[in-house]
Amino acid sequence: MLSYTVAQRAREIALRMALGASPSRILRLVLVQGVTATGSGVTLGLAAACWRRKSLRSLVYGISLHDPVSFVAAPIALAALMLAASVAPALRAVRINPVSTLRG
């Protein structure tokens, strides 16, 4: 999703770079978008899991109602994976050539 968004916003990113945005600012722009999406997903997922934890217990063997591994480690692992997946689109955004993108 983030890669598609970077491709759609290539002209905007090129314009920001042409107007003087540093590569670190562009990197931060894309990473913040990925972190925001991750935070929303993890928050909604935890809320849904807390709301439906009795039915989840019957679906997954060995999970208690207050299982710390499920409610702490899993969201942390998912957030770390999303951050790692956000790095490639962010680096691609930094390598955009403003001149060729704005001309094309």
PDB file of N, CA and C in Angstrom:
ATOM      1  N   MET A   1       0.824  -1.185   0.000  1.00  0.00           N
ATOM      2  CA  MET A   1       0.000   0.000   0.000  1.00  0.00           C
ATOM      3  C   MET A   1       0.877   1.261   0.000  1.00  0.00           C
ATOM      4  N   LEU A   2       1.905   1.248   0.812  1.00  0.00           N
ATOM      5  CA  LEU A   2       2.768   2.426   0.903  1.00  0.00           C
ATOM      6  C   LEU A   2       3.553   2.630  -0.390  1.00  0.00           C
ATOM      7  N   SER A   3       3.959   1.553  -1.021  1.00  0.00           N
ATOM      8  CA  SER A   3       4.666   1.655  -2.291  1.00  0.00           C
ATOM      9  C   SER A   3       3.774   2.279  -3.365  1.00  0.00           C
ATOM     10  N   TYR A   4       2.521   1.876  -3.395  1.00  0.00           N
ATOM     11  CA  TYR A   4       1.560   2.447  -4.339  1.00  0.00           C
ATOM     12  C   TYR A   4       1.346   3.936  -4.056  1.00  0.00           C
ATOM     13  N   THR A   5       1.261   4.297  -2.800  1.00  0.00           N
ATOM     14  CA  THR A   5       1.078   5.703  -2.426  1.00  0.00           C
ATOM     15  C   THR A   5       2.269   6.544  -2.847  1.00  0.00           C
ATOM     16  N   VAL A   6       3.473   6.017  -2.672  1.00  0.00           N
ATOM     17  CA  VAL A   6       4.671   6.755  -3.098  1.00  0.00           C
ATOM     18  C   VAL A   6       4.664   6.945  -4.608  1.00  0.00           C
ATOM     19  N   ALA A   7       4.257   5.920  -5.341  1.00  0.00           N
ATOM     20  CA  ALA A   7       4.196   6.042  -6.804  1.00  0.00           C
ATOM     21  C   ALA A   7       3.162   7.092  -7.222  1.00  0.00           C
ATOM     22  N   GLN A   8       2.040   7.136  -6.534  1.00  0.00           N
ATOM     23  CA  GLN A   8       1.005   8.114  -6.861  1.00  0.00           C
ATOM     24  C   GLN A   8       1.429   9.538  -6.493  1.00  0.00           C
ATOM     25  N   ARG A   9       2.248   9.667  -5.457  1.00  0.00           N
ATOM     26  CA  ARG A   9       2.668  10.990  -4.988  1.00  0.00           C
ATOM     27  C   ARG A   9       4.043  11.395  -5.525  1.00  0.00           C
ATOM     28  N   ALA A  10       4.520  10.737  -6.566  1.00  0.00           N
ATOM     29  CA  ALA A  10       5.873  11.005  -7.081  1.00  0.00           C
ATOM     30  C   ALA A  10       6.035  12.460  -7.504  1.00  0.00           C
ATOM     31  N   ARG A  11       5.039  13.023  -8.150  1.00  0.00           N
ATOM     32  CA  ARG A  11       5.149  14.434  -8.579  1.00  0.00           C
ATOM     33  C   ARG A  11       5.189  15.371  -7.374  1.00  0.00           C
ATOM     34  N   GLU A  12       4.390  15.077  -6.367  1.00  0.00           N
ATOM     35  CA  GLU A  12       4.409  15.910  -5.163  1.00  0.00           C
ATOM     36  C   GLU A  12       5.764  15.832  -4.466  1.00  0.00           C
ATOM     37  N   ILE A  13       6.301  14.621  -4.357  1.00  0.00           N
ATOM     38  CA  ILE A  13       7.606  14.437  -3.715  1.00  0.00           C
ATOM     39  C   ILE A  13       8.692  15.129  -4.521  1.00  0.00           C
ATOM     40  N   ALA A  14       8.618  15.016  -5.853  1.00  0.00           N
ATOM     41  CA  ALA A  14       9.598  15.688  -6.710  1.00  0.00           C
ATOM     42  C   ALA A  14       9.511  17.202  -6.548  1.00  0.00           C
ATOM     43  N   LEU A  15       8.317  17.728  -6.440  1.00  0.00           N
ATOM     44  CA  LEU A  15       8.145  19.169  -6.237  1.00  0.00           C
ATOM     45  C   LEU A  15       8.721  19.599  -4.886  1.00  0.00           C
ATOM     46  N   ARG A  16       8.475  18.813  -3.859  1.00  0.00           N
ATOM     47  CA  ARG A  16       9.053  19.127  -2.546  1.00  0.00           C
ATOM     48  C   ARG A  16      10.584  19.137  -2.615  1.00  0.00           C
ATOM     49  N   MET A  17      11.141  18.153  -3.326  1.00  0.00           N
ATOM     50  CA  MET A  17      12.596  18.094  -3.445  1.00  0.00           C
ATOM     51  C   MET A  17      13.123  19.269  -4.259  1.00  0.00           C
ATOM     52  N   ALA A  18      12.405  19.653  -5.319  1.00  0.00           N
ATOM     53  CA  ALA A  18      12.834  20.782  -6.147  1.00  0.00           C
ATOM     54  C   ALA A  18      12.786  22.093  -5.369  1.00  0.00           C
ATOM     55  N   LEU A  19      11.871  22.178  -4.423  1.00  0.00           N
ATOM     56  CA  LEU A  19      11.758  23.390  -3.610  1.00  0.00           C
ATOM     57  C   LEU A  19      12.683  23.382  -2.397  1.00  0.00           C
ATOM     58  N   GLY A  20      13.476  22.317  -2.251  1.00  0.00           N
ATOM     59  CA  GLY A  20      14.507  22.327  -1.220  1.00  0.00           C
ATOM     60  C   GLY A  20      14.329  21.367  -0.067  1.00  0.00           C
ATOM     61  N   ALA A  21      13.387  20.456  -0.137  1.00  0.00           N
ATOM     62  CA  ALA A  21      13.233  19.486   0.946  1.00  0.00           C
ATOM     63  C   ALA A  21      14.431  18.542   0.962  1.00  0.00           C
ATOM     64  N   SER A  22      14.951  18.298   2.131  1.00  0.00           N
ATOM     65  CA  SER A  22      16.105  17.408   2.254  1.00  0.00           C
ATOM     66  C   SER A  22      15.661  15.956   2.128  1.00  0.00           C
ATOM     67  N   PRO A  23      16.592  15.083   1.754  1.00  0.00           N
ATOM     68  CA  PRO A  23      16.246  13.660   1.677  1.00  0.00           C
ATOM     69  C   PRO A  23      15.733  13.096   3.006  1.00  0.00           C
ATOM     70  N   SER A  24      16.283  13.583   4.116  1.00  0.00           N
ATOM     71  CA  SER A  24      15.804  13.095   5.412  1.00  0.00           C
ATOM     72  C   SER A  24      14.355  13.514   5.663  1.00  0.00           C
ATOM     73  N   ARG A  25      13.973  14.681   5.173  1.00  0.00           N
ATOM     74  CA  ARG A  25      12.587  15.147   5.326  1.00  0.00           C
ATOM     75  C   ARG A  25      11.628  14.290   4.487  1.00  0.00           C
ATOM     76  N   ILE A  26      12.046  13.932   3.275  1.00  0.00           N
ATOM     77  CA  ILE A  26      11.232  13.072   2.413  1.00  0.00           C
ATOM     78  C   ILE A  26      11.126  11.679   3.036  1.00  0.00           C
ATOM     79  N   LEU A  27      12.230  11.174   3.557  1.00  0.00           N
ATOM     80  CA  LEU A  27      12.231   9.874   4.216  1.00  0.00           C
ATOM     81  C   LEU A  27      11.271   9.887   5.401  1.00  0.00           C
ATOM     82  N   ARG A  28      11.331  10.928   6.191  1.00  0.00           N
ATOM     83  CA  ARG A  28      10.442  11.063   7.347  1.00  0.00           C
ATOM     84  C   ARG A  28       8.987  11.167   6.914  1.00  0.00           C
ATOM     85  N   LEU A  29       8.717  11.879   5.822  1.00  0.00           N
ATOM     86  CA  LEU A  29       7.363  12.031   5.316  1.00  0.00           C
ATOM     87  C   LEU A  29       6.730  10.682   5.000  1.00  0.00           C
ATOM     88  N   VAL A  30       7.468   9.829   4.329  1.00  0.00           N
ATOM     89  CA  VAL A  30       6.948   8.525   3.936  1.00  0.00           C
ATOM     90  C   VAL A  30       6.870   7.589   5.139  1.00  0.00           C
ATOM     91  N   LEU A  31       7.884   7.601   6.001  1.00  0.00           N
ATOM     92  CA  LEU A  31       7.874   6.722   7.159  1.00  0.00           C
ATOM     93  C   LEU A  31       6.755   7.076   8.136  1.00  0.00           C
ATOM     94  N   VAL A  32       6.467   8.365   8.289  1.00  0.00           N
ATOM     95  CA  VAL A  32       5.368   8.767   9.173  1.00  0.00           C
ATOM     96  C   VAL A  32       4.039   8.246   8.636  1.00  0.00           C
ATOM     97  N   GLN A  33       3.883   8.253   7.336  1.00  0.00           N
ATOM     98  CA  GLN A  33       2.657   7.714   6.743  1.00  0.00           C
ATOM     99  C   GLN A  33       2.541   6.214   7.035  1.00  0.00           C
ATOM    100  N   GLY A  34       3.630   5.485   6.938  1.00  0.00           N
ATOM    101  CA  GLY A  34       3.615   4.058   7.253  1.00  0.00           C
ATOM    102  C   GLY A  34       3.367   3.787   8.721  1.00  0.00           C
ATOM    103  N   VAL A  35       3.982   4.578   9.585  1.00  0.00           N
ATOM    104  CA  VAL A  35       3.791   4.412  11.022  1.00  0.00           C
ATOM    105  C   VAL A  35       2.355   4.751  11.420  1.00  0.00           C
ATOM    106  N   THR A  36       1.770   5.749  10.795  1.00  0.00           N
ATOM    107  CA  THR A  36       0.383   6.106  11.082  1.00  0.00           C
ATOM    108  C   THR A  36      -0.566   4.973  10.694  1.00  0.00           C
ATOM    109  N   ALA A  37      -0.357   4.408   9.536  1.00  0.00           N
ATOM    110  CA  ALA A  37      -1.192   3.282   9.106  1.00  0.00           C
ATOM    111  C   ALA A  37      -1.003   2.083  10.026  1.00  0.00           C
ATOM    112  N   THR A  38       0.229   1.834  10.438  1.00  0.00           N
ATOM    113  CA  THR A  38       0.506   0.723  11.343  1.00  0.00           C
ATOM    114  C   THR A  38      -0.148   0.946  12.697  1.00  0.00           C
ATOM    115  N   GLY A  39      -0.005   2.149  13.215  1.00  0.00           N
ATOM    116  CA  GLY A  39      -0.609   2.458  14.514  1.00  0.00           C
ATOM    117  C   GLY A  39      -2.116   2.304  14.500  1.00  0.00           C
ATOM    118  N   SER A  40      -2.736   2.752  13.431  1.00  0.00           N
ATOM    119  CA  SER A  40      -4.190   2.605  13.313  1.00  0.00           C
ATOM    120  C   SER A  40      -4.588   1.138  13.250  1.00  0.00           C
ATOM    121  N   GLY A  41      -3.877   0.372  12.459  1.00  0.00           N
ATOM    122  CA  GLY A  41      -4.191  -1.047  12.326  1.00  0.00           C
ATOM    123  C   GLY A  41      -3.980  -1.821  13.607  1.00  0.00           C
ATOM    124  N   VAL A  42      -2.878  -1.557  14.293  1.00  0.00           N
ATOM    125  CA  VAL A  42      -2.599  -2.251  15.548  1.00  0.00           C
ATOM    126  C   VAL A  42      -3.624  -1.865  16.611  1.00  0.00           C
ATOM    127  N   THR A  43      -3.967  -0.594  16.679  1.00  0.00           N
ATOM    128  CA  THR A  43      -4.954  -0.135  17.660  1.00  0.00           C
ATOM    129  C   THR A  43      -6.320  -0.764  17.410  1.00  0.00           C
ATOM    130  N   LEU A  44      -6.762  -0.733  16.170  1.00  0.00           N
ATOM    131  CA  LEU A  44      -8.053  -1.340  15.845  1.00  0.00           C
ATOM    132  C   LEU A  44      -8.027  -2.854  16.052  1.00  0.00           C
ATOM    133  N   GLY A  45      -6.916  -3.476  15.709  1.00  0.00           N
ATOM    134  CA  GLY A  45      -6.789  -4.917  15.908  1.00  0.00           C
ATOM    135  C   GLY A  45      -6.812  -5.309  17.374  1.00  0.00           C
ATOM    136  N   LEU A  46      -6.121  -4.544  18.220  1.00  0.00           N
ATOM    137  CA  LEU A  46      -6.144  -4.828  19.656  1.00  0.00           C
ATOM    138  C   LEU A  46      -7.534  -4.601  20.241  1.00  0.00           C
ATOM    139  N   ALA A  47      -8.201  -3.545  19.788  1.00  0.00           N
ATOM    140  CA  ALA A  47      -9.557  -3.282  20.271  1.00  0.00           C
ATOM    141  C   ALA A  47     -10.500  -4.416  19.874  1.00  0.00           C
ATOM    142  N   ALA A  48     -10.391  -4.871  18.649  1.00  0.00           N
ATOM    143  CA  ALA A  48     -11.242  -5.978  18.188  1.00  0.00           C
ATOM    144  C   ALA A  48     -10.902  -7.271  18.929  1.00  0.00           C
ATOM    145  N   ALA A  49      -9.627  -7.509  19.196  1.00  0.00           N
ATOM    146  CA  ALA A  49      -9.227  -8.721  19.909  1.00  0.00           C
ATOM    147  C   ALA A  49      -9.721  -8.694  21.351  1.00  0.00           C
ATOM    148  N   CYS A  50      -9.653  -7.530  21.991  1.00  0.00           N
ATOM    149  CA  CYS A  50     -10.170  -7.417  23.359  1.00  0.00           C
ATOM    150  C   CYS A  50     -11.678  -7.609  23.384  1.00  0.00           C
ATOM    151  N   TRP A  51     -12.338  -7.081  22.393  1.00  0.00           N
ATOM    152  CA  TRP A  51     -13.796  -7.173  22.324  1.00  0.00           C
ATOM    153  C   TRP A  51     -14.242  -8.609  22.064  1.00  0.00           C
ATOM    154  N   ARG A  52     -13.487  -9.325  21.245  1.00  0.00           N
ATOM    155  CA  ARG A  52     -13.865 -10.682  20.845  1.00  0.00           C
ATOM    156  C   ARG A  52     -12.995 -11.760  21.481  1.00  0.00           C
ATOM    157  N   ARG A  53     -12.384 -11.494  22.607  1.00  0.00           N
ATOM    158  CA  ARG A  53     -11.410 -12.445  23.146  1.00  0.00           C
ATOM    159  C   ARG A  53     -12.030 -13.764  23.598  1.00  0.00           C
ATOM    160  N   LYS A  54     -13.277 -13.768  24.012  1.00  0.00           N
ATOM    161  CA  LYS A  54     -13.893 -15.044  24.399  1.00  0.00           C
ATOM    162  C   LYS A  54     -14.078 -15.954  23.184  1.00  0.00           C
ATOM    163  N   SER A  55     -14.485 -15.387  22.076  1.00  0.00           N
ATOM    164  CA  SER A  55     -14.633 -16.221  20.884  1.00  0.00           C
ATOM    165  C   SER A  55     -13.268 -16.599  20.305  1.00  0.00           C
ATOM    166  N   LEU A  56     -12.259 -15.744  20.464  1.00  0.00           N
ATOM    167  CA  LEU A  56     -10.908 -16.091  20.013  1.00  0.00           C
ATOM    168  C   LEU A  56     -10.334 -17.243  20.828  1.00  0.00           C
ATOM    169  N   ARG A  57     -10.683 -17.283  22.103  1.00  0.00           N
ATOM    170  CA  ARG A  57     -10.195 -18.354  22.964  1.00  0.00           C
ATOM    171  C   ARG A  57     -10.697 -19.709  22.482  1.00  0.00           C
ATOM    172  N   SER A  58     -11.917 -19.739  21.985  1.00  0.00           N
ATOM    173  CA  SER A  58     -12.454 -21.006  21.509  1.00  0.00           C
ATOM    174  C   SER A  58     -11.874 -21.397  20.147  1.00  0.00           C
ATOM    175  N   LEU A  59     -11.312 -20.444  19.420  1.00  0.00           N
ATOM    176  CA  LEU A  59     -10.744 -20.736  18.104  1.00  0.00           C
ATOM    177  C   LEU A  59      -9.275 -21.153  18.154  1.00  0.00           C
ATOM    178  N   VAL A  60      -8.535 -20.615  19.125  1.00  0.00           N
ATOM    179  CA  VAL A  60      -7.099 -20.870  19.210  1.00  0.00           C
ATOM    180  C   VAL A  60      -6.803 -21.625  20.501  1.00  0.00           C
ATOM    181  N   TYR A  61      -6.200 -22.782  20.371  1.00  0.00           N
ATOM    182  CA  TYR A  61      -5.899 -23.623  21.526  1.00  0.00           C
ATOM    183  C   TYR A  61      -4.766 -23.015  22.346  1.00  0.00           C
ATOM    184  N   GLY A  62      -4.925 -22.999  23.673  1.00  0.00           N
ATOM    185  CA  GLY A  62      -3.862 -22.580  24.567  1.00  0.00           C
ATOM    186  C   GLY A  62      -3.804 -21.087  24.832  1.00  0.00           C
ATOM    187  N   ILE A  63      -4.798 -20.329  24.430  1.00  0.00           N
ATOM    188  CA  ILE A  63      -4.816 -18.884  24.662  1.00  0.00           C
ATOM    189  C   ILE A  63      -5.761 -18.589  25.816  1.00  0.00           C
ATOM    190  N   SER A  64      -5.266 -17.898  26.834  1.00  0.00           N
ATOM    191  CA  SER A  64      -6.138 -17.493  27.931  1.00  0.00           C
ATOM    192  C   SER A  64      -6.756 -16.135  27.605  1.00  0.00           C
ATOM    193  N   LEU A  65      -7.679 -15.704  28.455  1.00  0.00           N
ATOM    194  CA  LEU A  65      -8.345 -14.417  28.202  1.00  0.00           C
ATOM    195  C   LEU A  65      -7.398 -13.238  28.364  1.00  0.00           C
ATOM    196  N   HIS A  66      -6.372 -13.393  29.160  1.00  0.00           N
ATOM    197  CA  HIS A  66      -5.426 -12.292  29.410  1.00  0.00           C
ATOM    198  C   HIS A  66      -4.007 -12.725  29.033  1.00  0.00           C
ATOM    199  N   ASP A  67      -3.845 -13.286  27.876  1.00  0.00           N
ATOM    200  CA  ASP A  67      -2.555 -13.795  27.425  1.00  0.00           C
ATOM    201  C   ASP A  67      -1.641 -12.636  27.019  1.00  0.00           C
ATOM    202  N   PRO A  68      -0.569 -12.378  27.785  1.00  0.00           N
ATOM    203  CA  PRO A  68       0.294 -11.234  27.471  1.00  0.00           C
ATOM    204  C   PRO A  68       1.062 -11.394  26.159  1.00  0.00           C
ATOM    205  N   VAL A  69       1.383 -12.619  25.794  1.00  0.00           N
ATOM    206  CA  VAL A  69       2.109 -12.826  24.540  1.00  0.00           C
ATOM    207  C   VAL A  69       1.249 -12.405  23.356  1.00  0.00           C
ATOM    208  N   SER A  70      -0.007 -12.759  23.402  1.00  0.00           N
ATOM    209  CA  SER A  70      -0.898 -12.422  22.289  1.00  0.00           C
ATOM    210  C   SER A  70      -1.180 -10.928  22.201  1.00  0.00           C
ATOM    211  N   PHE A  71      -1.320 -10.281  23.351  1.00  0.00           N
ATOM    212  CA  PHE A  71      -1.724  -8.884  23.350  1.00  0.00           C
ATOM    213  C   PHE A  71      -0.568  -7.895  23.399  1.00  0.00           C
ATOM    214  N   VAL A  72       0.665  -8.386  23.580  1.00  0.00           N
ATOM    215  CA  VAL A  72       1.815  -7.476  23.606  1.00  0.00           C
ATOM    216  C   VAL A  72       2.827  -7.830  22.515  1.00  0.00           C
ATOM    217  N   ALA A  73       3.247  -9.070  22.472  1.00  0.00           N
ATOM    218  CA  ALA A  73       4.307  -9.458  21.538  1.00  0.00           C
ATOM    219  C   ALA A  73       3.840  -9.436  20.083  1.00  0.00           C
ATOM    220  N   ALA A  74       2.636  -9.889  19.840  1.00  0.00           N
ATOM    221  CA  ALA A  74       2.145  -9.921  18.464  1.00  0.00           C
ATOM    222  C   ALA A  74       2.027  -8.525  17.853  1.00  0.00           C
ATOM    223  N   PRO A  75       1.436  -7.536  18.541  1.00  0.00           N
ATOM    224  CA  PRO A  75       1.398  -6.186  17.957  1.00  0.00           C
ATOM    225  C   PRO A  75       2.784  -5.565  17.776  1.00  0.00           C
ATOM    226  N   ILE A  76       3.691  -5.845  18.699  1.00  0.00           N
ATOM    227  CA  ILE A  76       5.056  -5.322  18.557  1.00  0.00           C
ATOM    228  C   ILE A  76       5.733  -5.941  17.339  1.00  0.00           C
ATOM    229  N   ALA A  77       5.552  -7.232  17.144  1.00  0.00           N
ATOM    230  CA  ALA A  77       6.142  -7.898  15.982  1.00  0.00           C
ATOM    231  C   ALA A  77       5.536  -7.369  14.682  1.00  0.00           C
ATOM    232  N   LEU A  78       4.227  -7.177  14.660  1.00  0.00           N
ATOM    233  CA  LEU A  78       3.582  -6.636  13.462  1.00  0.00           C
ATOM    234  C   LEU A  78       4.046  -5.212  13.168  1.00  0.00           C
ATOM    235  N   ALA A  79       4.197  -4.405  14.201  1.00  0.00           N
ATOM    236  CA  ALA A  79       4.668  -3.029  14.008  1.00  0.00           C
ATOM    237  C   ALA A  79       6.103  -3.012  13.487  1.00  0.00           C
ATOM    238  N   ALA A  80       6.943  -3.898  13.999  1.00  0.00           N
ATOM    239  CA  ALA A  80       8.329  -3.976  13.526  1.00  0.00           C
ATOM    240  C   ALA A  80       8.383  -4.409  12.063  1.00  0.00           C
ATOM    241  N   LEU A  81       7.546  -5.371  11.688  1.00  0.00           N
ATOM    242  CA  LEU A  81       7.506  -5.811  10.291  1.00  0.00           C
ATOM    243  C   LEU A  81       7.017  -4.698   9.373  1.00  0.00           C
ATOM    244  N   MET A  82       6.034  -3.938   9.800  1.00  0.00           N
ATOM    245  CA  MET A  82       5.521  -2.846   8.978  1.00  0.00           C
ATOM    246  C   MET A  82       6.568  -1.745   8.828  1.00  0.00           C
ATOM    247  N   LEU A  83       7.286  -1.475   9.884  1.00  0.00           N
ATOM    248  CA  LEU A  83       8.351  -0.476   9.782  1.00  0.00           C
ATOM    249  C   LEU A  83       9.429  -0.947   8.815  1.00  0.00           C
ATOM    250  N   ALA A  84       9.778  -2.211   8.869  1.00  0.00           N
ATOM    251  CA  ALA A  84      10.764  -2.755   7.930  1.00  0.00           C
ATOM    252  C   ALA A  84      10.237  -2.719   6.493  1.00  0.00           C
ATOM    253  N   ALA A  85       8.948  -2.958   6.323  1.00  0.00           N
ATOM    254  CA  ALA A  85       8.356  -2.916   4.983  1.00  0.00           C
ATOM    255  C   ALA A  85       8.222  -1.488   4.469  1.00  0.00           C
ATOM    256  N   SER A  86       8.243  -0.505   5.353  1.00  0.00           N
ATOM    257  CA  SER A  86       8.126   0.900   4.945  1.00  0.00           C
ATOM    258  C   SER A  86       9.449   1.486   4.464  1.00  0.00           C
ATOM    259  N   VAL A  87      10.534   0.822   4.775  1.00  0.00           N
ATOM    260  CA  VAL A  87      11.847   1.370   4.433  1.00  0.00           C
ATOM    261  C   VAL A  87      12.067   1.393   2.921  1.00  0.00           C
ATOM    262  N   ALA A  88      11.699   0.348   2.211  1.00  0.00           N
ATOM    263  CA  ALA A  88      11.929   0.287   0.760  1.00  0.00           C
ATOM    264  C   ALA A  88      11.178   1.385   0.010  1.00  0.00           C
ATOM    265  N   PRO A  89       9.878   1.610   0.242  1.00  0.00           N
ATOM    266  CA  PRO A  89       9.211   2.721  -0.438  1.00  0.00           C
ATOM    267  C   PRO A  89       9.771   4.085  -0.038  1.00  0.00           C
ATOM    268  N   ALA A  90      10.202   4.211   1.218  1.00  0.00           N
ATOM    269  CA  ALA A  90      10.766   5.487   1.661  1.00  0.00           C
ATOM    270  C   ALA A  90      12.090   5.772   0.951  1.00  0.00           C
ATOM    271  N   LEU A  91      12.914   4.759   0.808  1.00  0.00           N
ATOM    272  CA  LEU A  91      14.182   4.954   0.089  1.00  0.00           C
ATOM    273  C   LEU A  91      13.947   5.212  -1.391  1.00  0.00           C
ATOM    274  N   ARG A  92      12.916   4.595  -1.958  1.00  0.00           N
ATOM    275  CA  ARG A  92      12.573   4.854  -3.355  1.00  0.00           C
ATOM    276  C   ARG A  92      12.115   6.301  -3.526  1.00  0.00           C
ATOM    277  N   ALA A  93      11.410   6.819  -2.547  1.00  0.00           N
ATOM    278  CA  ALA A  93      10.960   8.213  -2.612  1.00  0.00           C
ATOM    279  C   ALA A  93      12.137   9.175  -2.546  1.00  0.00           C
ATOM    280  N   VAL A  94      13.150   8.838  -1.775  1.00  0.00           N
ATOM    281  CA  VAL A  94      14.333   9.696  -1.660  1.00  0.00           C
ATOM    282  C   VAL A  94      15.108   9.728  -2.968  1.00  0.00           C
ATOM    283  N   ARG A  95      15.072   8.616  -3.721  1.00  0.00           N
ATOM    284  CA  ARG A  95      15.839   8.537  -4.977  1.00  0.00           C
ATOM    285  C   ARG A  95      15.101   9.101  -6.190  1.00  0.00           C
ATOM    286  N   ILE A  96      13.937   9.685  -5.990  1.00  0.00           N
ATOM    287  CA  ILE A  96      13.202  10.280  -7.116  1.00  0.00           C
ATOM    288  C   ILE A  96      14.014  11.442  -7.685  1.00  0.00           C
ATOM    289  N   ASN A  97      14.138  11.470  -9.005  1.00  0.00           N
ATOM    290  CA  ASN A  97      14.812  12.567  -9.689  1.00  0.00           C
ATOM    291  C   ASN A  97      13.781  13.651  -9.957  1.00  0.00           C
ATOM    292  N   PRO A  98      13.889  14.813  -9.313  1.00  0.00           N
ATOM    293  CA  PRO A  98      12.853  15.843  -9.461  1.00  0.00           C
ATOM    294  C   PRO A  98      12.715  16.370 -10.885  1.00  0.00           C
ATOM    295  N   VAL A  99      13.816  16.532 -11.573  1.00  0.00           N
ATOM    296  CA  VAL A  99      13.770  17.114 -12.910  1.00  0.00           C
ATOM    297  C   VAL A  99      13.022  16.204 -13.879  1.00  0.00           C
ATOM    298  N   SER A 100      13.402  14.941 -13.930  1.00  0.00           N
ATOM    299  CA  SER A 100      12.745  14.036 -14.882  1.00  0.00           C
ATOM    300  C   SER A 100      11.291  13.748 -14.486  1.00  0.00           C
ATOM    301  N   THR A 101      11.004  13.711 -13.211  1.00  0.00           N
ATOM    302  CA  THR A 101       9.626  13.444 -12.777  1.00  0.00           C
ATOM    303  C   THR A 101       8.717  14.624 -13.109  1.00  0.00           C
ATOM    304  N   LEU A 102       9.185  15.828 -12.882  1.00  0.00           N
ATOM    305  CA  LEU A 102       8.334  16.989 -13.156  1.00  0.00           C
ATOM    306  C   LEU A 102       8.190  17.272 -14.645  1.00  0.00           C
ATOM    307  N   ARG A 103       9.184  16.883 -15.448  1.00  0.00           N
ATOM    308  CA  ARG A 103       9.070  17.072 -16.892  1.00  0.00           C
ATOM    309  C   ARG A 103       8.169  16.027 -17.540  1.00  0.00           C
ATOM    310  N   GLY A 104       8.193  14.821 -16.989  1.00  0.00           N
ATOM    311  CA  GLY A 104       7.473  13.704 -17.591  1.00  0.00           C
ATOM    312  C   GLY A 104       6.080  13.680 -17.140  1.00  0.00           C
TER     313      GLY A 104
END
